[in-house]
Protein backbone atom coordinates (compact mmCIF):
# COMPACT_ATOMS: atom_id res chain seq x y z
CA MET A 1 20.49 -24.60 4.46
CA ILE A 2 17.98 -24.93 1.60
CA ASP A 3 15.09 -24.35 4.00
CA GLN A 4 16.68 -21.11 5.21
CA ILE A 5 17.23 -19.84 1.65
CA LEU A 6 13.60 -20.59 0.73
CA LYS A 7 12.36 -19.05 3.99
CA ASP A 8 14.34 -15.85 3.40
CA ALA A 9 13.04 -15.53 -0.17
CA LYS A 10 9.46 -16.16 0.95
CA GLU A 11 9.82 -13.59 3.74
CA GLN A 12 11.09 -10.99 1.27
CA MET A 13 8.17 -11.74 -1.08
CA GLU A 14 5.67 -11.49 1.80
CA LEU A 15 7.05 -8.06 2.76
CA THR A 16 6.68 -6.93 -0.85
CA LEU A 17 3.04 -8.06 -0.88
CA GLU A 18 2.34 -6.24 2.41
CA TYR A 19 3.94 -3.07 1.02
CA LEU A 20 1.81 -3.32 -2.12
CA ASP A 21 -1.37 -3.76 -0.08
CA GLU A 22 -0.48 -0.70 1.98
CA THR A 23 0.31 1.34 -1.14
CA LEU A 24 -2.94 0.33 -2.85
CA ALA A 25 -4.93 1.27 0.26
CA HIS A 26 -3.69 4.84 -0.11
CA ILE A 27 -4.94 5.14 -3.69
CA ARG A 28 -8.35 6.80 -3.71
CA ALA A 29 -11.04 4.63 -5.26
CA GLY A 30 -13.99 7.04 -5.09
CA LYS A 31 -15.00 5.76 -1.66
CA ALA A 32 -14.20 7.34 1.67
CA ASN A 33 -11.32 5.55 3.38
CA PRO A 34 -9.51 6.81 6.49
CA LYS A 35 -6.22 5.46 5.08
CA LEU A 36 -6.27 8.36 2.60
CA LEU A 37 -5.21 10.59 5.49
CA ASP A 38 -2.35 8.38 6.76
CA ALA A 39 0.36 10.28 4.90
CA ILE A 40 -0.82 13.71 6.09
CA ARG A 41 1.13 15.19 8.98
CA VAL A 42 -0.26 17.94 11.25
CA ASP A 43 1.77 20.56 13.10
CA SER A 44 0.86 19.81 16.70
CA TYR A 45 2.62 21.99 19.27
CA GLY A 46 5.81 22.22 17.24
CA SER A 47 6.07 18.63 15.98
CA LEU A 48 4.58 16.90 12.95
CA MET A 49 2.18 14.10 13.82
CA PRO A 50 -0.21 11.88 11.86
CA ILE A 51 -3.81 13.12 11.90
CA ASN A 52 -5.00 10.00 13.71
CA ASN A 53 -2.72 10.97 16.66
CA VAL A 54 -4.56 14.27 17.20
CA ALA A 55 -8.12 13.37 16.18
CA SER A 56 -10.55 10.52 15.69
CA ILE A 57 -11.33 9.65 12.08
CA SER A 58 -14.51 7.93 10.90
CA THR A 59 -16.43 7.30 7.69
CA PRO A 60 -20.16 7.76 8.32
CA ASP A 61 -20.95 6.94 4.68
CA ALA A 62 -19.21 6.04 1.41
CA ARG A 63 -18.74 9.67 0.37
CA SER A 64 -17.38 11.42 3.47
CA ILE A 65 -14.72 11.28 6.16
CA VAL A 66 -15.32 12.93 9.54
CA ILE A 67 -12.39 14.14 11.65
CA LYS A 68 -13.06 15.07 15.27
CA PRO A 69 -10.00 16.72 16.85
CA TRP A 70 -9.41 15.97 20.53
CA ASP A 71 -8.18 19.52 21.09
CA LYS A 72 -10.21 22.48 19.74
CA ASN A 73 -6.93 24.27 18.88
CA MET A 74 -6.18 21.61 16.26
CA PHE A 75 -8.97 22.55 13.79
CA GLN A 76 -6.83 25.09 11.92
CA PRO A 77 -3.65 22.96 11.65
CA ILE A 78 -5.64 19.91 10.50
CA GLU A 79 -7.47 21.91 7.83
CA LYS A 80 -4.19 23.46 6.66
CA ALA A 81 -2.47 20.05 6.47
CA ILE A 82 -5.34 18.62 4.38
CA MET A 83 -5.34 21.64 2.05
CA ASP A 84 -1.54 21.40 1.60
CA SER A 85 -1.67 17.66 0.87
CA ASP A 86 -1.96 16.15 -2.60
CA LEU A 87 -5.49 14.85 -1.92
CA GLY A 88 -7.02 17.77 -3.79
CA ILE A 89 -10.00 17.95 -1.41
CA THR A 90 -11.22 20.94 0.58
CA PRO A 91 -12.30 20.20 4.17
CA GLU A 92 -15.42 21.73 5.74
CA ASN A 93 -15.28 22.85 9.37
CA ASN A 94 -18.51 23.34 11.33
CA GLY A 95 -16.77 24.08 14.65
CA ASP A 96 -17.44 20.59 16.01
CA VAL A 97 -15.99 18.30 13.33
CA ILE A 98 -14.11 18.57 10.04
CA ARG A 99 -15.88 16.91 7.11
CA ILE A 100 -14.15 15.85 3.94
CA GLY A 101 -16.47 15.12 1.04
CA ILE A 102 -15.06 12.57 -1.37
CA PRO A 103 -16.16 13.58 -4.86
CA PRO A 104 -16.89 10.88 -7.44
CA LEU A 105 -13.98 10.19 -9.77
CA THR A 106 -14.08 11.24 -13.40
CA GLU A 107 -13.48 8.62 -16.09
CA GLU A 108 -10.11 10.15 -16.92
CA ARG A 109 -9.04 10.13 -13.25
CA ARG A 110 -10.16 6.49 -12.91
CA LYS A 111 -7.97 5.49 -15.85
CA GLN A 112 -5.06 7.45 -14.38
CA LEU A 113 -5.48 5.66 -11.03
CA THR A 114 -5.62 2.23 -12.70
CA ARG A 115 -2.37 3.06 -14.50
CA GLN A 116 -0.87 4.02 -11.13
CA CYS A 117 -2.07 0.71 -9.62
CA ASN A 118 -0.61 -1.25 -12.53
CA ALA A 119 2.73 0.56 -12.12
CA GLU A 120 2.76 -0.26 -8.39
CA GLY A 121 1.98 -3.88 -9.24
CA GLU A 122 4.79 -4.04 -11.77
CA SER A 123 7.33 -2.68 -9.29
CA ALA A 124 6.12 -5.26 -6.74
CA LYS A 125 6.60 -8.02 -9.36
CA ILE A 126 10.13 -6.78 -9.98
CA SER A 127 10.81 -7.01 -6.26
CA ILE A 128 9.43 -10.58 -6.19
CA ARG A 129 11.65 -11.53 -9.14
CA ASN A 130 14.65 -10.01 -7.35
CA ALA A 131 13.90 -12.13 -4.28
CA ARG A 132 13.77 -15.23 -6.51
CA ARG A 133 17.05 -14.26 -8.17
CA ASP A 134 18.72 -13.74 -4.79
CA GLY A 135 17.47 -17.16 -3.68
CA ASN A 136 18.78 -18.79 -6.85
CA ASP A 137 22.16 -17.09 -6.37
CA GLU A 138 22.33 -18.44 -2.82
CA LEU A 139 21.48 -21.93 -4.10
CA LYS A 140 24.27 -21.72 -6.71
CA LYS A 141 26.69 -20.70 -3.98
CA ALA A 142 25.54 -23.65 -1.88
CA LEU A 143 26.11 -25.94 -4.89
CA LYS A 144 29.73 -24.79 -5.06
CA GLU A 145 30.03 -25.44 -1.31
CA GLY A 146 29.00 -29.08 -1.71
CA LEU A 147 25.19 -29.14 -2.02
CA PRO A 148 24.07 -32.02 -4.28
CA GLU A 149 22.96 -30.84 -7.73
CA ASP A 150 19.58 -32.61 -7.58
CA ALA A 151 18.80 -30.94 -4.22
CA GLN A 152 19.70 -27.58 -5.73
CA LYS A 153 17.44 -28.17 -8.76
CA ARG A 154 14.58 -29.28 -6.48
CA ALA A 155 15.02 -26.14 -4.35
CA GLU A 156 15.03 -23.95 -7.49
CA GLY A 157 11.74 -25.57 -8.49
CA GLU A 158 10.24 -24.86 -5.06
CA LEU A 159 11.48 -21.29 -5.25
CA GLN A 160 9.83 -20.92 -8.66
CA LYS A 161 6.53 -22.21 -7.22
CA ILE A 162 6.72 -19.70 -4.37
CA HIS A 163 7.52 -16.95 -6.92
CA ASP A 164 4.53 -17.92 -9.09
CA LYS A 165 2.21 -17.91 -6.06
CA TYR A 166 3.23 -14.38 -5.06
CA ILE A 167 3.02 -13.06 -8.63
CA GLU A 168 -0.53 -14.44 -8.75
CA LYS A 169 -1.37 -12.72 -5.44
CA ILE A 170 -0.08 -9.42 -6.83
CA ASP A 171 -2.18 -9.85 -9.99
CA GLN A 172 -5.26 -10.53 -7.85
CA ALA A 173 -4.64 -7.47 -5.65
CA ILE A 174 -4.19 -5.21 -8.69
CA GLU A 175 -7.25 -6.66 -10.41
CA PHE A 176 -9.35 -6.13 -7.27
CA LYS A 177 -8.16 -2.53 -6.83
CA ASN A 178 -8.72 -1.72 -10.52
CA LYS A 179 -12.24 -3.14 -10.30
CA GLU A 180 -12.85 -1.03 -7.18
CA ILE A 181 -11.60 2.11 -8.94
CA MET A 182 -13.59 1.53 -12.13
CA THR A 183 -16.85 0.80 -10.27
CA VAL A 184 -19.00 3.92 -10.51
C-alpha cells in the first residue's frame, strides 16, 4: 500500500518534470530549434496539421531553421501559419525551401524570457507540492485504516525526499534554460 502511494506520487512528479522540459524547449533562447515550430498548425487540404507532418525541418546553423515542404502547394500555407503564429519571425521563401532567420535576442527580451522560465518553474514546483500533499493525504487515510504510525511517518519522510529531489531537478532545469537564454 505504501509502495503504491509513493509510486503514484513519484509518477505524478515525473510527468510534471517532463511537461516542464517540453515547455522550456518551446521558449526561444536565441538559437535555432525545430521545437519552436511544434505549436504551429498548417492548413493542409482542409485539416490543421503540425508543420513537421507536411515538411522536413532542419537547423543548418545556430541562427536559421530550414523547412522543406514535401508538396510544392504547401509553401503558401506554411508561410501564412508562421506569420500568424506568435513567433514574431518572417519566413523567407526561395521556391525550394522556406528559411526562418532567428534574430539575436535583445537584453530586455532575454530578461522577459527568464521571467517566463521562472514562472513555468514555479508552477511546476506547485504541481510537485500538490503531488506530495496528495501522497500525504493518502498516507493519513491509510493510518486511519490500520497502517502503523511509524510506517506512515517513514513513508512521509520518503515522500519528502522524493519531493526534494524533483524540486532540485526543476531548479536545475530552470537554471540551465536561464543560462542558455542569457548567453549572448
